[in-house]
Amino acid sequence: MAQNAAEQIIDETTNEAVEIAQPMQRPIHTSVPLAQPKKITWSKFEKVLVSSCSLVLTFMMVMLVATKIAATNSQHKLQNVNTTISKVNNSNTSTRQVINELTSQSHLEKVAQKSGLTISNTDIRNVNK
């Protein structure tokens, strides 16, 4: 009787069935049992080192965020100060223009004529600092 892994062939000289064993199919990939890794405990120094590095890193992250917020607030204050300076400069320019108009020669002559006064240019001296 033939087995699954064998093939029967009849020998012509003896008329007996001869079984030819076929090669067994082996799996292409064999799994090698892996040894379980041993758990390595952390030394006291390593625990302290990791804890301190974590604390320093957390502190640095918090300080970075706080610094960015402070920089943003300072920039807003600077913008407000620049706006105020610009308004004051515009006001100063406008005031200078009014002063120049009021102290101009033509304006002084108009005011003098309204009041019935006359201006004698020979008696006027310009004094510069």
Protein backbone atom coordinates (compact mmCIF):
# COMPACT_ATOMS: atom_id res chain seq x y z
CA MET A 1 0.00 0.00 0.00
CA ALA A 2 1.36 3.36 -0.94
CA GLN A 3 1.67 6.20 1.48
CA ASN A 4 0.98 9.82 0.71
CA ALA A 5 4.61 10.74 0.46
CA ALA A 6 5.57 7.72 -1.68
CA GLU A 7 4.84 6.78 -5.22
CA GLN A 8 4.35 3.22 -6.39
CA ILE A 9 6.20 2.02 -9.41
CA ILE A 10 5.96 -1.54 -10.70
CA ASP A 11 9.30 -3.17 -11.40
CA GLU A 12 9.05 -4.92 -14.79
CA THR A 13 11.54 -7.65 -13.99
CA THR A 14 9.97 -8.86 -10.79
CA ASN A 15 6.49 -7.46 -11.20
CA GLU A 16 6.63 -6.13 -7.69
CA ALA A 17 5.51 -2.75 -6.63
CA VAL A 18 8.40 -0.61 -5.55
CA GLU A 19 7.74 2.50 -3.54
CA ILE A 20 9.80 5.54 -4.34
CA ALA A 21 9.89 8.02 -1.54
CA GLN A 22 9.28 11.57 -2.58
CA PRO A 23 11.22 14.27 -0.86
CA MET A 24 9.39 15.73 2.08
CA GLN A 25 8.37 19.31 1.66
CA ARG A 26 10.17 21.47 4.13
CA PRO A 27 8.96 24.90 5.06
CA ILE A 28 10.86 27.61 3.28
CA HIS A 29 11.36 29.69 6.40
CA THR A 30 11.94 28.05 9.68
CA SER A 31 11.32 29.97 12.82
CA VAL A 32 14.12 30.02 15.29
CA PRO A 33 12.89 30.37 18.82
CA LEU A 34 14.13 33.67 20.18
CA ALA A 35 15.41 33.87 23.68
CA GLN A 36 13.38 36.22 25.82
CA PRO A 37 15.40 39.36 26.60
CA LYS A 38 16.24 39.78 30.22
CA LYS A 39 14.81 42.84 31.88
CA ILE A 40 17.55 45.21 32.86
CA THR A 41 16.85 47.26 35.94
CA TRP A 42 17.76 50.91 36.05
CA SER A 43 20.40 51.97 38.49
CA LYS A 44 19.72 54.75 40.97
CA PHE A 45 22.04 57.08 39.05
CA GLU A 46 20.17 56.45 35.78
CA LYS A 47 16.81 57.13 37.43
CA VAL A 48 18.09 60.39 38.92
CA LEU A 49 19.67 61.38 35.60
CA VAL A 50 16.50 60.73 33.58
CA SER A 51 14.33 62.49 36.17
CA SER A 52 16.57 65.56 36.30
CA CYS A 53 16.82 65.76 32.50
CA SER A 54 13.04 65.51 32.25
CA LEU A 55 12.59 68.29 34.79
CA VAL A 56 15.12 70.53 33.03
CA LEU A 57 13.48 69.89 29.66
CA THR A 58 10.01 70.65 31.04
CA PHE A 59 11.30 73.82 32.70
CA MET A 60 12.92 74.95 29.44
CA MET A 61 9.70 74.35 27.48
CA VAL A 62 7.66 76.37 29.97
CA MET A 63 10.22 79.18 29.93
CA LEU A 64 10.20 79.21 26.12
CA VAL A 65 6.44 79.68 26.04
CA ALA A 66 6.60 82.35 28.75
CA THR A 67 9.36 84.19 26.86
CA LYS A 68 7.38 84.12 23.63
CA ILE A 69 4.33 85.54 25.42
CA ALA A 70 6.45 88.27 27.03
CA ALA A 71 8.01 89.15 23.66
CA THR A 72 4.57 89.41 22.06
CA ASN A 73 3.31 91.65 24.87
CA SER A 74 6.39 93.87 24.56
CA GLN A 75 5.84 94.15 20.84
CA HIS A 76 2.24 95.26 21.40
CA LYS A 77 3.39 97.88 23.92
CA LEU A 78 6.07 99.09 21.48
CA GLN A 79 3.46 99.40 18.75
CA ASN A 80 1.24 101.45 21.07
CA VAL A 81 4.15 103.73 22.01
CA ASN A 82 5.07 104.20 18.34
CA THR A 83 1.48 105.13 17.56
CA THR A 84 1.45 107.67 20.40
CA ILE A 85 4.77 109.13 19.23
CA SER A 86 3.43 109.46 15.71
CA LYS A 87 0.32 111.29 16.97
CA VAL A 88 2.45 113.68 19.07
CA ASN A 89 4.77 114.36 16.12
CA ASN A 90 1.78 115.16 13.91
CA SER A 91 0.40 117.47 16.59
CA ASN A 92 3.79 119.18 16.96
CA THR A 93 4.06 119.69 13.21
CA SER A 94 0.58 121.16 13.09
CA THR A 95 1.34 123.48 16.02
CA ARG A 96 4.61 124.64 14.41
CA GLN A 97 2.73 125.44 11.24
CA VAL A 98 0.18 127.51 13.19
CA ILE A 99 2.99 129.32 15.04
CA ASN A 100 4.79 130.08 11.77
CA GLU A 101 1.57 131.43 10.25
CA LEU A 102 0.84 133.63 13.29
CA THR A 103 4.39 135.03 13.41
CA SER A 104 4.66 135.68 9.70
CA GLN A 105 5.26 139.25 8.56
CA SER A 106 2.01 139.43 6.60
CA HIS A 107 -0.07 138.29 9.56
CA LEU A 108 1.61 140.78 11.89
CA GLU A 109 0.85 143.60 9.41
CA LYS A 110 -2.82 142.55 9.20
CA VAL A 111 -3.15 142.54 13.00
CA ALA A 112 -1.44 145.93 13.22
CA GLN A 113 -3.74 147.45 10.59
CA LYS A 114 -6.84 146.12 12.39
CA SER A 115 -5.68 147.76 15.58
CA GLY A 116 -4.78 150.99 13.82
CA LEU A 117 -1.04 150.54 14.32
CA THR A 118 1.76 150.93 11.85
CA ILE A 119 4.95 148.95 11.62
CA SER A 120 8.19 150.71 10.89
CA ASN A 121 10.62 148.22 9.36
CA THR A 122 13.58 150.42 10.24
CA ASP A 123 12.97 149.97 13.94
CA ILE A 124 12.72 146.15 13.77
CA ARG A 125 15.70 143.97 14.47
CA ASN A 126 15.88 140.25 13.98
CA VAL A 127 17.64 138.53 16.86
CA ASN A 128 18.88 134.98 16.37
CA LYS A 129 20.28 132.82 19.08
